[in-house]
Structures are given as structure tokens and as C-alpha cells.
Protein backbone atom coordinates (compact mmCIF):
# COMPACT_ATOMS: atom_id res chain seq x y z
CA UNK A 1 190.30 -180.51 -25.21
CA UNK A 2 191.50 -183.87 -26.49
CA UNK A 3 190.00 -187.19 -25.43
CA UNK A 4 191.81 -190.53 -25.30
CA UNK A 5 190.57 -194.10 -25.06
CA UNK A 6 192.78 -196.11 -22.68
CA UNK A 7 193.07 -199.80 -23.62
CA UNK A 8 195.02 -200.44 -26.83
CA UNK A 9 195.46 -196.69 -27.23
CA UNK A 10 197.44 -195.47 -24.22
CA UNK A 11 198.01 -198.96 -22.83
CA UNK A 12 199.23 -201.79 -25.09
CA UNK A 13 196.63 -204.45 -24.41
CA UNK A 14 193.41 -204.80 -22.46
CA UNK A 15 194.25 -203.81 -18.89
CA UNK A 16 191.31 -205.69 -17.36
CA UNK A 17 192.31 -208.92 -19.11
CA UNK A 18 195.94 -208.40 -18.06
CA UNK A 19 194.77 -207.80 -14.49
CA UNK A 20 192.68 -210.98 -14.54
CA UNK A 21 195.72 -212.95 -15.75
CA UNK A 22 197.85 -211.30 -13.06
CA UNK A 23 195.26 -212.30 -10.46
CA UNK A 24 195.48 -215.96 -11.51
CA UNK A 25 198.54 -216.25 -9.29
CA UNK A 26 196.40 -215.31 -6.29
CA UNK A 27 192.96 -216.71 -7.05
CA UNK A 28 192.86 -219.96 -9.00
CA UNK A 29 189.07 -219.71 -9.52
CA UNK A 30 189.81 -217.12 -12.20
CA UNK A 31 191.03 -219.93 -14.48
CA UNK A 32 187.44 -221.04 -14.97
CA UNK A 33 186.54 -217.51 -16.09
CA UNK A 34 189.26 -216.97 -18.71
CA UNK A 35 187.28 -218.44 -21.63
CA UNK A 36 184.27 -216.31 -20.70
CA UNK A 37 186.36 -213.14 -20.33
CA UNK A 38 188.06 -213.64 -23.68
CA UNK A 39 184.76 -214.56 -25.37
CA UNK A 40 183.00 -211.44 -24.08
CA UNK A 41 185.96 -209.25 -24.94
CA UNK A 42 185.94 -210.59 -28.48
CA UNK A 43 182.17 -210.14 -28.74
CA UNK A 44 182.51 -206.59 -27.41
CA UNK A 45 185.18 -205.76 -29.96
CA UNK A 46 182.83 -207.04 -32.66
CA UNK A 47 179.92 -205.01 -31.23
CA UNK A 48 177.91 -208.22 -30.64
CA UNK A 49 177.41 -207.90 -26.88
CA UNK A 50 174.88 -205.56 -25.29
CA UNK A 51 175.70 -203.38 -22.32
CA UNK A 52 173.37 -205.47 -20.15
CA UNK A 53 174.99 -208.77 -21.17
CA UNK A 54 178.45 -207.37 -20.50
CA UNK A 55 177.42 -206.02 -17.09
CA UNK A 56 175.88 -209.34 -16.01
CA UNK A 57 179.03 -211.29 -16.86
CA UNK A 58 181.32 -208.71 -15.29
CA UNK A 59 179.30 -208.68 -12.07
CA UNK A 60 179.54 -212.48 -11.90
CA UNK A 61 183.29 -212.27 -12.48
CA UNK A 62 183.75 -209.53 -9.85
CA UNK A 63 182.38 -211.83 -7.19
CA UNK A 64 185.22 -214.24 -7.98
CA UNK A 65 187.90 -211.60 -8.51
CA UNK A 66 187.22 -209.57 -5.38
CA UNK A 67 187.34 -211.69 -2.29
CA UNK A 68 187.97 -210.92 1.36
CA UNK A 69 191.14 -213.03 1.28
CA UNK A 70 193.41 -210.31 -0.06
CA UNK A 71 193.74 -206.59 -0.28
CA UNK A 72 192.53 -205.49 -3.72
CA UNK A 73 194.37 -202.17 -3.54
CA UNK A 74 197.67 -203.94 -2.84
CA UNK A 75 197.05 -206.29 -5.74
CA UNK A 76 196.28 -203.42 -8.13
CA UNK A 77 199.46 -201.60 -7.06
CA UNK A 78 201.48 -204.76 -7.67
CA UNK A 79 199.78 -205.19 -11.07
CA UNK A 80 200.72 -201.67 -12.19
CA UNK A 81 204.28 -202.07 -10.91
CA UNK A 82 204.57 -205.09 -13.20
CA UNK A 83 202.57 -203.70 -16.17
CA UNK A 84 203.16 -199.94 -16.30
CA UNK A 85 205.75 -200.57 -19.02
CA UNK A 86 202.78 -201.24 -21.34
CA UNK A 87 201.83 -197.55 -21.22
CA UNK A 88 202.80 -195.93 -24.52
CA UNK A 89 205.20 -193.05 -23.75
CA UNK A 90 204.63 -191.35 -27.11
CA UNK A 91 200.87 -191.35 -26.61
CA UNK A 92 201.19 -190.21 -22.99
CA UNK A 93 203.22 -187.18 -24.16
CA UNK A 94 200.18 -186.03 -26.14
CA UNK A 95 198.05 -185.72 -22.99
CA UNK A 96 197.63 -182.29 -21.43
CA UNK A 97 196.21 -181.67 -17.93
CA UNK A 98 192.84 -180.54 -19.32
CA UNK A 99 192.45 -183.62 -21.55
CA UNK A 100 190.14 -186.54 -20.74
CA UNK A 101 190.74 -190.30 -20.71
CA UNK A 102 187.75 -192.58 -21.29
CA UNK A 103 187.95 -196.23 -20.37
CA UNK A 104 185.81 -199.22 -19.55
CA UNK A 105 188.46 -200.23 -17.02
CA UNK A 106 187.29 -200.04 -13.40
CA UNK A 107 187.94 -197.10 -11.13
CA UNK A 108 189.85 -199.24 -8.61
CA UNK A 109 192.48 -199.89 -11.31
CA UNK A 110 192.62 -196.39 -12.77
CA UNK A 111 193.00 -194.59 -9.41
CA UNK A 112 196.34 -196.33 -8.84
CA UNK A 113 197.88 -195.45 -12.22
CA UNK A 114 196.12 -192.12 -12.69
CA UNK A 115 199.03 -189.89 -11.67
CA UNK A 116 201.18 -191.29 -14.47
CA UNK A 117 198.64 -190.46 -17.18
CA UNK A 118 199.09 -186.67 -17.33
CA UNK A 119 195.51 -185.72 -16.45
CA UNK A 120 193.14 -186.09 -13.53
CA UNK A 121 190.15 -186.28 -15.89
CA UNK A 122 189.70 -190.06 -16.12
CA UNK A 123 186.19 -191.36 -16.80
CA UNK A 124 186.01 -195.07 -16.08
CA UNK A 125 183.66 -197.81 -14.98
CA UNK A 126 182.60 -197.56 -11.36
CA UNK A 127 182.65 -200.59 -9.08
CA UNK A 128 181.20 -200.86 -5.59
CA UNK A 129 183.81 -203.02 -3.86
CA UNK A 130 181.71 -204.01 -0.80
CA UNK A 131 178.83 -205.32 -2.95
CA UNK A 132 181.11 -206.47 -5.80
CA UNK A 133 178.89 -204.89 -8.43
CA UNK A 134 179.37 -202.52 -11.31
CA UNK A 135 177.61 -199.22 -10.69
CA UNK A 136 178.41 -197.79 -14.13
CA UNK A 137 179.91 -199.59 -17.12
CA UNK A 138 181.74 -196.97 -19.15
CA UNK A 139 181.83 -198.43 -22.65
CA UNK A 140 180.20 -197.82 -26.01
CA UNK A 141 177.61 -195.04 -25.95
CA UNK A 142 177.98 -194.79 -22.16
CA UNK A 143 181.30 -193.05 -22.75
CA UNK A 144 179.55 -190.21 -24.56
CA UNK A 145 176.77 -190.05 -21.96
CA UNK A 146 179.29 -189.73 -19.13
CA UNK A 147 181.39 -187.24 -21.08
CA UNK A 148 178.36 -185.03 -21.88
CA UNK A 149 177.09 -185.22 -18.30
CA UNK A 150 180.39 -183.88 -16.97
CA UNK A 151 181.63 -181.64 -19.78
CA UNK A 152 178.30 -180.53 -21.32
CA UNK A 153 178.98 -178.97 -24.73
CA UNK A 154 182.77 -178.69 -24.41
CA UNK A 155 184.11 -179.40 -27.90
CA UNK A 156 186.40 -182.39 -28.46
CA UNK A 157 189.23 -181.29 -30.73
CA UNK A 158 190.84 -184.71 -31.12
CA UNK A 159 189.77 -188.19 -30.11
CA UNK A 160 192.21 -191.12 -30.06
CA UNK A 161 190.93 -194.71 -30.01
CA UNK A 162 191.80 -198.23 -31.10
CA UNK A 163 188.29 -199.22 -32.14
CA UNK A 164 185.24 -198.18 -34.08
CA UNK A 165 183.29 -199.36 -31.02
CA UNK A 166 183.87 -195.76 -29.95
CA UNK A 167 181.96 -194.44 -32.98
CA UNK A 168 179.80 -192.20 -30.78
CA UNK A 169 182.93 -190.40 -29.53
CA UNK A 170 184.40 -190.35 -33.04
CA UNK A 171 181.23 -188.60 -34.21
CA UNK A 172 181.51 -186.08 -31.38
CA UNK A 173 185.13 -185.14 -32.14
CA UNK A 174 186.29 -182.57 -34.67
CA UNK A 175 189.09 -184.97 -35.68
CA UNK A 176 189.60 -188.60 -34.74
CA UNK A 177 192.55 -190.95 -34.84
CA UNK A 178 192.82 -194.72 -34.85
CA UNK A 179 195.78 -195.99 -32.83
CA UNK A 180 197.21 -199.40 -33.70
CA UNK A 181 200.40 -200.60 -32.01
CA UNK A 182 201.53 -197.03 -31.43
CA UNK A 183 200.79 -195.93 -35.00
CA UNK A 184 198.35 -193.03 -35.20
CA UNK A 185 196.16 -192.72 -38.30
CA UNK A 186 193.63 -189.97 -38.87
CA UNK A 187 190.15 -191.39 -39.58
CA UNK A 188 188.10 -188.19 -39.40
């Protein structure tokens, strides 16, 4: 089986950031969160933010993002209609039905686009919409924990990622590839 990271690997950009920007049109309170989102994203990319710090900020942001004033599912569908062009067709052609996609993106976003990704095996962050809280943040070493919980000792032939933040998955894979702007480079 092959395993793929999602953001900046299969999708050009950070889907959660793009979704937050998309939501600005519908919830102006998000403007006040943009600096925090970008700061934490940068800190995450530099491996300077702990899982707990990231979860706290994301839970605070979810309370602003998810309100009773609009239908989240409708908004996510509209987002993907506008942003599906950012999916990399060449990378998507590599995905087989038995392959796995790992992402920190929330389940409510991935369920909508899932059918276009070539596999039903999508491991993502879990969000409880009624309580507006993250149940499981699927990033860093949590990706490996979730993968091992579901797939036990199934070997990973190839792992594709955009970041060494996924070092734990890189270590798990027989071969690993760094994807930058659609260019695939073997790193292991």
C-alpha cells in the first residue's frame, strides 16, 4: 500500500487555510483569526508548536468558524466546487483504491471531496460539530498512531509528503518522496 499526505502533496496549498479564507465571505469574525491561523501554520511547519497548543487554538477557532447561522455542509460543498481545481491530477493518478491518505484537515471537509481522491481510506482530524471541538488532531506522530491502529503492521511501500514534519511516516515507509509544486523527489 502507498500512503499520501494531502495538503501541499495532493492539494496545492493548505486546504484548511483556504477554507478559512473562503469562509471570510460568510463570517467576518474570521478576519480577526487570520494572523493566528497563519502564525500557527508557520510554527507547525517549523515543528515549533506542540499538539496541545495546536488543538487549543483550533478549538477556539472552530467556535468562530462553525456557527448556527449557516449550514456547514453547504459551505464545504461550495468551497470544494471553487477549489477542487487545486487537486493535483498527476498525483491523484498515483492513488489506488487500497492506498491511504493522511491529513490534518477535518473530516467534515474530507467527506465532501473524498470520492474524487481515488480511495475511501482517508485518515483525517475528527471534529464534533455540535460541541465545536476537535476529537482527534491527525498531524505529526498522530498520523502514525492512527495508521498503526487501523492498519496494524501493513507495510507502507511508498509515502508521499511535502514536509519533514511527517518524519514518523517517512521512517515507516520503505521509500518516501517529497512533493514540491507537483515535482516528486525521492528522499528515502
